[in-house]
Amino acid sequence: MSQISKKQDTSFVPGSTIQGKWNKQHYIVVRKLGKGAIGSVYLCKRQDGKQVALKISEKGASITTEVNVLKKLSKVQGKPLGPYLFDVDDFLQANGGRLSFYVMEYVNGKQLPRYLNEKGADWLGVFLLQLLADLERLHQHGWVFGDLKLDNVMVTGTPPRLRWIDVGGTTQIGRSIKEYTEFYDRGYWKLGSRIAEPSYDLFAVVMMALHCAYPKQFKRGEYPEQTLKRKLRHTRMLAAYQPCLEKAMKGYYRSSAQMQQELNQLITKRKISYLRAQPQTPRHKGKTDQVTLPLLETAVIGFISMLLFLIYYFFI
């Protein structure tokens, strides 16, 4: 791929064609998915009709770095950590300028907050455990996610799974984090450095949970740590996970596996306590039972469903 020296236009309207200079593959733009510091991402159709995500930028070196990250992630054993990489090429503009792009799997799903609104907030614990398991694999291979946030993940598939859709901020452990989002950055909250280490990602996990509980986000205030503690303790959505999240906020955990283990214990304890607290009443056809029994049955089914999902995800 080519490194360019002047500003180039990376805007493409639906119906535009992006053709690779070297591999000669062409892609029809469907719509723009987003734009970040590195470049723009488009939903495209390739020649066989398959939908793909295409990221294009004037920053050739940055695109090369992201491609190398995707290649490294593809070698990590187990379920894929990032999108599959399909193609890497340059695009030659009519004015002679060159843009670098790569084509990856289009992960079609739902944003995490939307999924929780539709299916129930209890699923947050399941997805946090998933995320921590994936982060542990990433960390074991010497990398941290870096720019971990709700915009960079998606719930997809059956059973539902939290997928990473943008790994552009992935950084080798020990180096400085260059790409981050303030709300998720522990440096912004004055609770640590921007050195790439597992605890940096774990802080971002806490902020993802808080963002789910507070969709409009919030300001850090004069005392950032106290702000976060107050927010963690004043939302029912995170009550069951609060001890674990507060530890991660303070940098207590040295690995994702350690946090995952404690979080799993909290979730299990909560479900068992809830089921034991339910009154064991005989079945009647009264109005009260018509309301309470379906609620109890729904809770039991939900617990069993999540338990089976955890077994599927972690052990199969």
C-alpha atoms as a PDB file:
ATOM      1  CA  MET A   1       0.000   0.000   0.000  1.00  0.00           C
ATOM      2  CA  SER A   2       1.105   3.546  -0.668  1.00  0.00           C
ATOM      3  CA  GLN A   3       1.814   6.347   1.762  1.00  0.00           C
ATOM      4  CA  ILE A   4       0.511   9.661   0.391  1.00  0.00           C
ATOM      5  CA  SER A   5       1.737  13.150   1.121  1.00  0.00           C
ATOM      6  CA  LYS A   6      -1.332  15.336   0.639  1.00  0.00           C
ATOM      7  CA  LYS A   7      -4.947  15.431   1.792  1.00  0.00           C
ATOM      8  CA  GLN A   8      -7.245  13.195  -0.239  1.00  0.00           C
ATOM      9  CA  ASP A   9     -11.042  12.911  -0.403  1.00  0.00           C
ATOM     10  CA  THR A  10     -12.278   9.702   1.233  1.00  0.00           C
ATOM     11  CA  SER A  11     -16.000  10.356   0.697  1.00  0.00           C
ATOM     12  CA  PHE A  12     -18.001   7.975  -1.484  1.00  0.00           C
ATOM     13  CA  VAL A  13     -21.725   8.158  -2.225  1.00  0.00           C
ATOM     14  CA  PRO A  14     -23.927   5.034  -2.447  1.00  0.00           C
ATOM     15  CA  GLY A  15     -23.480   3.356  -5.796  1.00  0.00           C
ATOM     16  CA  SER A  16     -19.847   4.414  -6.141  1.00  0.00           C
ATOM     17  CA  THR A  17     -17.311   1.791  -7.182  1.00  0.00           C
ATOM     18  CA  ILE A  18     -14.029   1.277  -5.356  1.00  0.00           C
ATOM     19  CA  GLN A  19     -11.637  -0.842  -7.387  1.00  0.00           C
ATOM     20  CA  GLY A  20      -8.302  -2.079  -6.139  1.00  0.00           C
ATOM     21  CA  LYS A  21      -5.272  -1.058  -8.140  1.00  0.00           C
ATOM     22  CA  TRP A  22      -3.349  -4.291  -7.594  1.00  0.00           C
ATOM     23  CA  ASN A  23      -5.891  -7.061  -6.965  1.00  0.00           C
ATOM     24  CA  LYS A  24      -8.482  -5.594  -9.371  1.00  0.00           C
ATOM     25  CA  GLN A  25     -11.389  -6.455  -7.040  1.00  0.00           C
ATOM     26  CA  HIS A  26     -14.202  -3.923  -7.128  1.00  0.00           C
ATOM     27  CA  TYR A  27     -16.724  -3.008  -4.461  1.00  0.00           C
ATOM     28  CA  ILE A  28     -20.050  -1.153  -4.749  1.00  0.00           C
ATOM     29  CA  VAL A  29     -20.698   1.288  -1.897  1.00  0.00           C
ATOM     30  CA  VAL A  30     -24.034   0.679  -0.140  1.00  0.00           C
ATOM     31  CA  ARG A  31     -23.753   3.210   2.668  1.00  0.00           C
ATOM     32  CA  LYS A  32     -21.324   4.780   5.100  1.00  0.00           C
ATOM     33  CA  LEU A  33     -21.001   2.970   8.406  1.00  0.00           C
ATOM     34  CA  GLY A  34     -18.824   5.470  10.218  1.00  0.00           C
ATOM     35  CA  LYS A  35     -15.772   7.681  10.280  1.00  0.00           C
ATOM     36  CA  GLY A  36     -12.890   7.803  12.732  1.00  0.00           C
ATOM     37  CA  ALA A  37      -9.438   9.258  13.197  1.00  0.00           C
ATOM     38  CA  ILE A  38      -7.881   6.782  10.750  1.00  0.00           C
ATOM     39  CA  GLY A  39     -10.460   6.713   7.957  1.00  0.00           C
ATOM     40  CA  SER A  40     -13.997   5.976   6.839  1.00  0.00           C
ATOM     41  CA  VAL A  41     -15.795   2.623   6.851  1.00  0.00           C
ATOM     42  CA  TYR A  42     -18.368   1.698   4.214  1.00  0.00           C
ATOM     43  CA  LEU A  43     -20.797  -1.150   3.796  1.00  0.00           C
ATOM     44  CA  CYS A  44     -20.087  -2.495   0.313  1.00  0.00           C
ATOM     45  CA  LYS A  45     -21.045  -5.350  -1.981  1.00  0.00           C
ATOM     46  CA  ARG A  46     -18.265  -7.266  -3.615  1.00  0.00           C
ATOM     47  CA  GLN A  47     -18.483  -9.001  -6.993  1.00  0.00           C
ATOM     48  CA  ASP A  48     -20.168 -12.150  -5.645  1.00  0.00           C
ATOM     49  CA  GLY A  49     -22.876 -10.079  -3.918  1.00  0.00           C
ATOM     50  CA  LYS A  50     -21.565 -10.638  -0.393  1.00  0.00           C
ATOM     51  CA  GLN A  51     -21.748  -7.651   1.942  1.00  0.00           C
ATOM     52  CA  VAL A  52     -18.404  -6.555   3.395  1.00  0.00           C
ATOM     53  CA  ALA A  53     -17.004  -3.642   5.392  1.00  0.00           C
ATOM     54  CA  LEU A  54     -14.380  -1.543   3.612  1.00  0.00           C
ATOM     55  CA  LYS A  55     -12.123   0.865   5.503  1.00  0.00           C
ATOM     56  CA  ILE A  56     -10.371   3.473   3.381  1.00  0.00           C
ATOM     57  CA  SER A  57      -7.949   6.220   4.367  1.00  0.00           C
ATOM     58  CA  GLU A  58      -5.266   8.597   3.202  1.00  0.00           C
ATOM     59  CA  LYS A  59      -3.120   7.339   6.090  1.00  0.00           C
ATOM     60  CA  GLY A  60      -1.442   4.397   4.432  1.00  0.00           C
ATOM     61  CA  ALA A  61       0.849   3.595   7.361  1.00  0.00           C
ATOM     62  CA  SER A  62      -2.089   3.468   9.788  1.00  0.00           C
ATOM     63  CA  ILE A  63      -4.058   1.200   7.463  1.00  0.00           C
ATOM     64  CA  THR A  64      -1.038  -1.094   7.216  1.00  0.00           C
ATOM     65  CA  THR A  65      -0.823  -1.233  11.010  1.00  0.00           C
ATOM     66  CA  GLU A  66      -4.498  -2.167  11.329  1.00  0.00           C
ATOM     67  CA  VAL A  67      -4.128  -4.851   8.667  1.00  0.00           C
ATOM     68  CA  ASN A  68      -1.182  -6.331  10.554  1.00  0.00           C
ATOM     69  CA  VAL A  69      -3.274  -6.392  13.736  1.00  0.00           C
ATOM     70  CA  LEU A  70      -6.109  -8.217  11.979  1.00  0.00           C
ATOM     71  CA  LYS A  71      -3.623 -10.759  10.634  1.00  0.00           C
ATOM     72  CA  LYS A  72      -2.198 -11.336  14.100  1.00  0.00           C
ATOM     73  CA  LEU A  73      -5.661 -11.706  15.634  1.00  0.00           C
ATOM     74  CA  SER A  74      -6.572 -14.283  12.991  1.00  0.00           C
ATOM     75  CA  LYS A  75      -3.780 -16.495  14.331  1.00  0.00           C
ATOM     76  CA  VAL A  76      -5.126 -16.517  17.891  1.00  0.00           C
ATOM     77  CA  GLN A  77      -6.688 -19.897  18.601  1.00  0.00           C
ATOM     78  CA  GLY A  78     -10.369 -20.173  19.426  1.00  0.00           C
ATOM     79  CA  LYS A  79     -13.288 -18.045  18.309  1.00  0.00           C
ATOM     80  CA  PRO A  80     -12.246 -15.102  16.099  1.00  0.00           C
ATOM     81  CA  LEU A  81     -11.379 -11.957  18.044  1.00  0.00           C
ATOM     82  CA  GLY A  82     -11.778  -9.505  15.186  1.00  0.00           C
ATOM     83  CA  PRO A  83     -13.468  -9.410  11.783  1.00  0.00           C
ATOM     84  CA  TYR A  84     -12.079 -11.677   9.047  1.00  0.00           C
ATOM     85  CA  LEU A  85      -9.747  -9.908   6.602  1.00  0.00           C
ATOM     86  CA  PHE A  86     -10.528 -10.415   2.898  1.00  0.00           C
ATOM     87  CA  ASP A  87      -8.539  -7.949   0.828  1.00  0.00           C
ATOM     88  CA  VAL A  88      -5.912  -5.189   1.049  1.00  0.00           C
ATOM     89  CA  ASP A  89      -5.233  -2.749  -1.770  1.00  0.00           C
ATOM     90  CA  ASP A  90      -4.869   0.838  -3.006  1.00  0.00           C
ATOM     91  CA  PHE A  91      -7.507   2.923  -4.749  1.00  0.00           C
ATOM     92  CA  LEU A  92      -6.377   5.227  -7.556  1.00  0.00           C
ATOM     93  CA  GLN A  93      -8.425   8.432  -7.732  1.00  0.00           C
ATOM     94  CA  ALA A  94      -9.229  10.310 -10.933  1.00  0.00           C
ATOM     95  CA  ASN A  95      -6.882  13.130  -9.899  1.00  0.00           C
ATOM     96  CA  GLY A  96      -3.991  10.697  -9.487  1.00  0.00           C
ATOM     97  CA  GLY A  97      -4.171  10.479  -5.692  1.00  0.00           C
ATOM     98  CA  ARG A  98      -4.012   7.162  -3.923  1.00  0.00           C
ATOM     99  CA  LEU A  99      -5.961   5.906  -0.937  1.00  0.00           C
ATOM    100  CA  SER A 100      -5.270   2.733   1.018  1.00  0.00           C
ATOM    101  CA  PHE A 101      -8.057   0.372   2.004  1.00  0.00           C
ATOM    102  CA  TYR A 102      -8.783  -3.054   3.380  1.00  0.00           C
ATOM    103  CA  VAL A 103     -11.890  -5.196   3.206  1.00  0.00           C
ATOM    104  CA  MET A 104     -13.134  -7.189   6.174  1.00  0.00           C
ATOM    105  CA  GLU A 105     -16.111  -9.166   7.372  1.00  0.00           C
ATOM    106  CA  TYR A 106     -19.276  -7.134   7.884  1.00  0.00           C
ATOM    107  CA  VAL A 107     -20.503  -7.988  11.373  1.00  0.00           C
ATOM    108  CA  ASN A 108     -24.254  -7.446  11.211  1.00  0.00           C
ATOM    109  CA  GLY A 109     -25.875  -7.203  14.606  1.00  0.00           C
ATOM    110  CA  LYS A 110     -27.212  -4.897  17.296  1.00  0.00           C
ATOM    111  CA  GLN A 111     -25.528  -2.356  19.516  1.00  0.00           C
ATOM    112  CA  LEU A 112     -25.179  -3.685  23.059  1.00  0.00           C
ATOM    113  CA  PRO A 113     -27.501  -1.085  24.727  1.00  0.00           C
ATOM    114  CA  ARG A 114     -30.244  -1.813  22.197  1.00  0.00           C
ATOM    115  CA  TYR A 115     -29.942  -5.552  22.771  1.00  0.00           C
ATOM    116  CA  LEU A 116     -30.174  -5.079  26.548  1.00  0.00           C
ATOM    117  CA  ASN A 117     -33.259  -2.902  26.146  1.00  0.00           C
ATOM    118  CA  GLU A 118     -34.941  -5.589  24.060  1.00  0.00           C
ATOM    119  CA  LYS A 119     -33.839  -8.754  25.896  1.00  0.00           C
ATOM    120  CA  GLY A 120     -33.222  -7.573  29.453  1.00  0.00           C
ATOM    121  CA  ALA A 121     -30.376  -6.018  31.450  1.00  0.00           C
ATOM    122  CA  ASP A 122     -29.410  -9.405  32.959  1.00  0.00           C
ATOM    123  CA  TRP A 123     -27.671 -10.207  29.678  1.00  0.00           C
ATOM    124  CA  LEU A 124     -25.040  -7.596  30.481  1.00  0.00           C
ATOM    125  CA  GLY A 125     -23.321  -9.999  32.867  1.00  0.00           C
ATOM    126  CA  VAL A 126     -23.133 -12.677  30.172  1.00  0.00           C
ATOM    127  CA  PHE A 127     -21.588 -10.288  27.668  1.00  0.00           C
ATOM    128  CA  LEU A 128     -19.104  -8.958  30.214  1.00  0.00           C
ATOM    129  CA  LEU A 129     -17.924 -12.523  30.863  1.00  0.00           C
ATOM    130  CA  GLN A 130     -17.600 -13.091  27.118  1.00  0.00           C
ATOM    131  CA  LEU A 131     -15.652  -9.887  26.673  1.00  0.00           C
ATOM    132  CA  LEU A 132     -13.274 -10.715  29.513  1.00  0.00           C
ATOM    133  CA  ALA A 133     -12.623 -14.185  28.072  1.00  0.00           C
ATOM    134  CA  ASP A 134     -11.746 -12.684  24.682  1.00  0.00           C
ATOM    135  CA  LEU A 135      -9.578  -9.998  26.257  1.00  0.00           C
ATOM    136  CA  GLU A 136      -7.668 -12.657  28.181  1.00  0.00           C
ATOM    137  CA  ARG A 137      -6.783 -14.405  24.919  1.00  0.00           C
ATOM    138  CA  LEU A 138      -5.719 -11.089  23.398  1.00  0.00           C
ATOM    139  CA  HIS A 139      -3.586 -10.191  26.412  1.00  0.00           C
ATOM    140  CA  GLN A 140      -1.961 -13.616  26.458  1.00  0.00           C
ATOM    141  CA  HIS A 141      -0.700 -12.888  22.932  1.00  0.00           C
ATOM    142  CA  GLY A 142       0.889  -9.619  24.008  1.00  0.00           C
ATOM    143  CA  TRP A 143      -1.753  -7.082  22.935  1.00  0.00           C
ATOM    144  CA  VAL A 144      -4.372  -4.836  24.514  1.00  0.00           C
ATOM    145  CA  PHE A 145      -7.506  -3.611  22.733  1.00  0.00           C
ATOM    146  CA  GLY A 146      -6.775   0.038  23.542  1.00  0.00           C
ATOM    147  CA  ASP A 147      -9.827   1.836  22.175  1.00  0.00           C
ATOM    148  CA  LEU A 148     -12.412  -0.423  23.779  1.00  0.00           C
ATOM    149  CA  LYS A 149     -15.912   1.115  23.711  1.00  0.00           C
ATOM    150  CA  LEU A 150     -19.531   0.341  22.850  1.00  0.00           C
ATOM    151  CA  ASP A 151     -19.096   1.625  19.299  1.00  0.00           C
ATOM    152  CA  ASN A 152     -16.442  -1.021  18.638  1.00  0.00           C
ATOM    153  CA  VAL A 153     -18.503  -4.085  19.584  1.00  0.00           C
ATOM    154  CA  MET A 154     -21.714  -5.649  18.305  1.00  0.00           C
ATOM    155  CA  VAL A 155     -24.099  -8.364  19.516  1.00  0.00           C
ATOM    156  CA  THR A 156     -24.630 -10.917  16.767  1.00  0.00           C
ATOM    157  CA  GLY A 157     -25.506 -14.534  16.095  1.00  0.00           C
ATOM    158  CA  THR A 158     -27.438 -17.295  17.841  1.00  0.00           C
ATOM    159  CA  PRO A 159     -26.655 -17.847  20.632  1.00  0.00           C
ATOM    160  CA  PRO A 160     -25.853 -14.142  20.968  1.00  0.00           C
ATOM    161  CA  ARG A 161     -22.217 -13.205  21.123  1.00  0.00           C
ATOM    162  CA  LEU A 162     -20.359  -9.925  21.568  1.00  0.00           C
ATOM    163  CA  ARG A 163     -18.095  -9.425  18.522  1.00  0.00           C
ATOM    164  CA  TRP A 164     -15.324  -6.895  18.010  1.00  0.00           C
ATOM    165  CA  ILE A 165     -15.907  -4.829  14.886  1.00  0.00           C
ATOM    166  CA  ASP A 166     -13.029  -2.308  15.025  1.00  0.00           C
ATOM    167  CA  VAL A 167      -9.627  -3.283  16.406  1.00  0.00           C
ATOM    168  CA  GLY A 168      -7.783  -0.234  15.090  1.00  0.00           C
ATOM    169  CA  GLY A 169      -6.608   0.823  18.564  1.00  0.00           C
ATOM    170  CA  THR A 170      -4.994  -2.531  19.390  1.00  0.00           C
ATOM    171  CA  THR A 171      -1.538  -1.914  20.885  1.00  0.00           C
ATOM    172  CA  GLN A 172       1.353  -4.122  21.966  1.00  0.00           C
ATOM    173  CA  ILE A 173       1.694  -4.445  25.733  1.00  0.00           C
ATOM    174  CA  GLY A 174       4.203  -1.976  27.123  1.00  0.00           C
ATOM    175  CA  ARG A 175       3.711   0.688  24.466  1.00  0.00           C
ATOM    176  CA  SER A 176       1.739   3.922  24.721  1.00  0.00           C
ATOM    177  CA  ILE A 177      -1.937   3.968  23.786  1.00  0.00           C
ATOM    178  CA  LYS A 178      -2.288   6.302  20.793  1.00  0.00           C
ATOM    179  CA  GLU A 179      -5.941   5.811  19.868  1.00  0.00           C
ATOM    180  CA  TYR A 180      -8.503   6.202  22.648  1.00  0.00           C
ATOM    181  CA  THR A 181     -11.864   7.756  23.495  1.00  0.00           C
ATOM    182  CA  GLU A 182     -11.912  10.103  26.489  1.00  0.00           C
ATOM    183  CA  PHE A 183     -14.929   8.663  28.292  1.00  0.00           C
ATOM    184  CA  TYR A 184     -13.345   5.176  28.291  1.00  0.00           C
ATOM    185  CA  ASP A 185      -9.772   6.316  28.963  1.00  0.00           C
ATOM    186  CA  ARG A 186      -8.431   5.936  32.500  1.00  0.00           C
ATOM    187  CA  GLY A 187      -5.961   8.746  31.832  1.00  0.00           C
ATOM    188  CA  TYR A 188      -8.861  11.132  31.268  1.00  0.00           C
ATOM    189  CA  TRP A 189     -10.357  10.045  34.593  1.00  0.00           C
ATOM    190  CA  LYS A 190      -6.966  10.434  36.329  1.00  0.00           C
ATOM    191  CA  LEU A 191      -6.969   6.802  37.403  1.00  0.00           C
ATOM    192  CA  GLY A 192      -3.893   5.561  35.594  1.00  0.00           C
ATOM    193  CA  SER A 193      -1.533   5.972  32.679  1.00  0.00           C
ATOM    194  CA  ARG A 194      -1.995   5.319  28.971  1.00  0.00           C
ATOM    195  CA  ILE A 195       0.522   2.483  28.977  1.00  0.00           C
ATOM    196  CA  ALA A 196      -0.838  -0.588  27.171  1.00  0.00           C
ATOM    197  CA  GLU A 197      -1.456  -3.218  29.844  1.00  0.00           C
ATOM    198  CA  PRO A 198      -4.397  -5.492  30.715  1.00  0.00           C
ATOM    199  CA  SER A 199      -5.679  -3.157  33.440  1.00  0.00           C
ATOM    200  CA  TYR A 200      -6.137  -0.415  30.812  1.00  0.00           C
ATOM    201  CA  ASP A 201      -8.666  -2.584  28.966  1.00  0.00           C
ATOM    202  CA  LEU A 202     -10.356  -3.624  32.197  1.00  0.00           C
ATOM    203  CA  PHE A 203     -10.971   0.013  33.101  1.00  0.00           C
ATOM    204  CA  ALA A 204     -12.631   0.420  29.695  1.00  0.00           C
ATOM    205  CA  VAL A 205     -14.854  -2.603  30.471  1.00  0.00           C
ATOM    206  CA  VAL A 206     -16.099  -0.711  33.529  1.00  0.00           C
ATOM    207  CA  MET A 207     -16.828   2.342  31.388  1.00  0.00           C
ATOM    208  CA  MET A 208     -18.715   0.207  28.871  1.00  0.00           C
ATOM    209  CA  ALA A 209     -20.949  -1.047  31.673  1.00  0.00           C
ATOM    210  CA  LEU A 210     -21.460   2.504  32.938  1.00  0.00           C
ATOM    211  CA  HIS A 211     -22.273   3.706  29.432  1.00  0.00           C
ATOM    212  CA  CYS A 212     -24.983   1.039  29.214  1.00  0.00           C
ATOM    213  CA  ALA A 213     -26.424   2.275  32.512  1.00  0.00           C
ATOM    214  CA  TYR A 214     -26.041   5.968  31.614  1.00  0.00           C
ATOM    215  CA  PRO A 215     -26.625   6.285  27.831  1.00  0.00           C
ATOM    216  CA  LYS A 216     -25.987  10.037  27.825  1.00  0.00           C
ATOM    217  CA  GLN A 217     -22.634   9.583  29.584  1.00  0.00           C
ATOM    218  CA  PHE A 218     -21.617  12.108  32.249  1.00  0.00           C
ATOM    219  CA  LYS A 219     -18.847  14.536  33.110  1.00  0.00           C
ATOM    220  CA  ARG A 220     -15.933  13.570  35.334  1.00  0.00           C
ATOM    221  CA  GLY A 221     -16.338  16.554  37.688  1.00  0.00           C
ATOM    222  CA  GLU A 222     -13.766  17.917  40.098  1.00  0.00           C
ATOM    223  CA  TYR A 223     -13.180  14.525  41.718  1.00  0.00           C
ATOM    224  CA  PRO A 224     -13.241  11.911  38.904  1.00  0.00           C
ATOM    225  CA  GLU A 225     -12.837   8.817  41.098  1.00  0.00           C
ATOM    226  CA  GLN A 226     -15.687   9.856  43.365  1.00  0.00           C
ATOM    227  CA  THR A 227     -17.847  10.544  40.332  1.00  0.00           C
ATOM    228  CA  LEU A 228     -17.336   7.006  39.044  1.00  0.00           C
ATOM    229  CA  LYS A 229     -17.931   5.434  42.464  1.00  0.00           C
ATOM    230  CA  ARG A 230     -21.167   7.358  42.842  1.00  0.00           C
ATOM    231  CA  LYS A 231     -22.385   6.356  39.397  1.00  0.00           C
ATOM    232  CA  LEU A 232     -21.531   2.682  40.001  1.00  0.00           C
ATOM    233  CA  ARG A 233     -23.406   2.626  43.289  1.00  0.00           C
ATOM    234  CA  HIS A 234     -26.502   4.511  42.125  1.00  0.00           C
ATOM    235  CA  THR A 235     -27.723   2.318  39.278  1.00  0.00           C
ATOM    236  CA  ARG A 236     -29.718  -0.894  39.680  1.00  0.00           C
ATOM    237  CA  MET A 237     -28.399  -2.255  36.388  1.00  0.00           C
ATOM    238  CA  LEU A 238     -24.871  -2.636  37.800  1.00  0.00           C
ATOM    239  CA  ALA A 239     -25.702  -3.392  41.435  1.00  0.00           C
ATOM    240  CA  ALA A 240     -24.830  -7.087  41.166  1.00  0.00           C
ATOM    241  CA  TYR A 241     -21.458  -6.344  39.536  1.00  0.00           C
ATOM    242  CA  GLN A 242     -20.533  -3.223  41.517  1.00  0.00           C
ATOM    243  CA  PRO A 243     -17.813  -4.749  43.769  1.00  0.00           C
ATOM    244  CA  CYS A 244     -16.030  -6.261  40.775  1.00  0.00           C
ATOM    245  CA  LEU A 245     -16.366  -3.164  38.601  1.00  0.00           C
ATOM    246  CA  GLU A 246     -15.052  -0.914  41.348  1.00  0.00           C
ATOM    247  CA  LYS A 247     -11.960  -3.079  41.731  1.00  0.00           C
ATOM    248  CA  ALA A 248     -11.318  -2.915  37.993  1.00  0.00           C
ATOM    249  CA  MET A 249     -11.784   0.846  38.078  1.00  0.00           C
ATOM    250  CA  LYS A 250      -8.988   1.109  40.642  1.00  0.00           C
ATOM    251  CA  GLY A 251      -6.662  -1.210  38.705  1.00  0.00           C
ATOM    252  CA  TYR A 252      -6.917  -4.062  41.214  1.00  0.00           C
ATOM    253  CA  TYR A 253      -6.936  -6.886  38.646  1.00  0.00           C
ATOM    254  CA  ARG A 254      -3.752  -7.921  36.886  1.00  0.00           C
ATOM    255  CA  SER A 255      -5.507 -10.103  34.324  1.00  0.00           C
ATOM    256  CA  SER A 256      -8.861 -10.426  32.589  1.00  0.00           C
ATOM    257  CA  ALA A 257      -9.098 -14.007  33.841  1.00  0.00           C
ATOM    258  CA  GLN A 258      -8.950 -12.797  37.442  1.00  0.00           C
ATOM    259  CA  MET A 259     -11.759 -10.316  36.890  1.00  0.00           C
ATOM    260  CA  GLN A 260     -13.765 -12.877  34.920  1.00  0.00           C
ATOM    261  CA  GLN A 261     -13.571 -15.380  37.772  1.00  0.00           C
ATOM    262  CA  GLU A 262     -14.799 -12.905  40.394  1.00  0.00           C
ATOM    263  CA  LEU A 263     -17.541 -11.572  38.139  1.00  0.00           C
ATOM    264  CA  ASN A 264     -18.762 -15.094  37.429  1.00  0.00           C
ATOM    265  CA  GLN A 265     -18.958 -15.778  41.165  1.00  0.00           C
ATOM    266  CA  LEU A 266     -21.034 -12.621  41.711  1.00  0.00           C
ATOM    267  CA  ILE A 267     -23.436 -13.505  38.898  1.00  0.00           C
ATOM    268  CA  THR A 268     -23.874 -17.084  40.099  1.00  0.00           C
ATOM    269  CA  LYS A 269     -24.451 -15.956  43.676  1.00  0.00           C
ATOM    270  CA  ARG A 270     -27.042 -13.421  42.552  1.00  0.00           C
ATOM    271  CA  LYS A 271     -29.043 -15.948  40.538  1.00  0.00           C
ATOM    272  CA  ILE A 272     -29.042 -18.552  43.296  1.00  0.00           C
ATOM    273  CA  SER A 273     -30.106 -15.960  45.893  1.00  0.00           C
ATOM    274  CA  TYR A 274     -32.928 -14.769  43.655  1.00  0.00           C
ATOM    275  CA  LEU A 275     -34.304 -18.257  43.070  1.00  0.00           C
ATOM    276  CA  ARG A 276     -34.126 -19.162  46.771  1.00  0.00           C
ATOM    277  CA  ALA A 277     -35.988 -15.979  47.690  1.00  0.00           C
ATOM    278  CA  GLN A 278     -39.005 -16.879  45.572  1.00  0.00           C
ATOM    279  CA  PRO A 279     -42.001 -18.102  47.649  1.00  0.00           C
ATOM    280  CA  GLN A 280     -42.923 -21.742  47.142  1.00  0.00           C
ATOM    281  CA  THR A 281     -46.717 -21.502  46.890  1.00  0.00           C
ATOM    282  CA  PRO A 282     -49.151 -24.093  45.523  1.00  0.00           C
ATOM    283  CA  ARG A 283     -50.646 -23.461  42.107  1.00  0.00           C
ATOM    284  CA  HIS A 284     -54.049 -21.826  42.160  1.00  0.00           C
ATOM    285  CA  LYS A 285     -56.137 -20.227  39.508  1.00  0.00           C
ATOM    286  CA  GLY A 286     -56.382 -16.955  41.384  1.00  0.00           C
ATOM    287  CA  LYS A 287     -55.486 -13.598  39.906  1.00  0.00           C
ATOM    288  CA  THR A 288     -52.304 -13.246  41.988  1.00  0.00           C
ATOM    289  CA  ASP A 289     -50.848 -16.568  40.823  1.00  0.00           C
ATOM    290  CA  GLN A 290     -51.690 -15.752  37.241  1.00  0.00           C
ATOM    291  CA  VAL A 291     -49.268 -12.844  37.550  1.00  0.00           C
ATOM    292  CA  THR A 292     -46.505 -14.177  39.828  1.00  0.00           C
ATOM    293  CA  LEU A 293     -46.072 -17.646  38.382  1.00  0.00           C
ATOM    294  CA  PRO A 294     -45.291 -16.530  34.830  1.00  0.00           C
ATOM    295  CA  LEU A 295     -42.786 -14.048  36.240  1.00  0.00           C
ATOM    296  CA  LEU A 296     -41.059 -16.776  38.244  1.00  0.00           C
ATOM    297  CA  GLU A 297     -41.085 -19.167  35.326  1.00  0.00           C
ATOM    298  CA  THR A 298     -39.629 -16.471  33.084  1.00  0.00           C
ATOM    299  CA  ALA A 299     -36.858 -15.817  35.605  1.00  0.00           C
ATOM    300  CA  VAL A 300     -36.018 -19.527  35.838  1.00  0.00           C
ATOM    301  CA  ILE A 301     -36.021 -19.937  32.053  1.00  0.00           C
ATOM    302  CA  GLY A 302     -33.836 -16.868  31.691  1.00  0.00           C
ATOM    303  CA  PHE A 303     -31.342 -18.192  34.230  1.00  0.00           C
ATOM    304  CA  ILE A 304     -31.193 -21.613  32.587  1.00  0.00           C
ATOM    305  CA  SER A 305     -30.797 -20.028  29.145  1.00  0.00           C
ATOM    306  CA  MET A 306     -27.861 -17.921  30.275  1.00  0.00           C
ATOM    307  CA  LEU A 307     -26.305 -20.897  32.076  1.00  0.00           C
ATOM    308  CA  LEU A 308     -26.517 -23.024  28.920  1.00  0.00           C
ATOM    309  CA  PHE A 309     -25.094 -20.155  26.917  1.00  0.00           C
ATOM    310  CA  LEU A 310     -22.102 -19.832  29.260  1.00  0.00           C
ATOM    311  CA  ILE A 311     -21.472 -23.579  28.981  1.00  0.00           C
ATOM    312  CA  TYR A 312     -21.666 -23.335  25.191  1.00  0.00           C
ATOM    313  CA  TYR A 313     -19.373 -20.339  24.971  1.00  0.00           C
ATOM    314  CA  PHE A 314     -16.668 -21.332  27.420  1.00  0.00           C
ATOM    315  CA  PHE A 315     -16.569 -25.108  27.212  1.00  0.00           C
ATOM    316  CA  ILE A 316     -17.754 -26.208  23.772  1.00  0.00           C
END
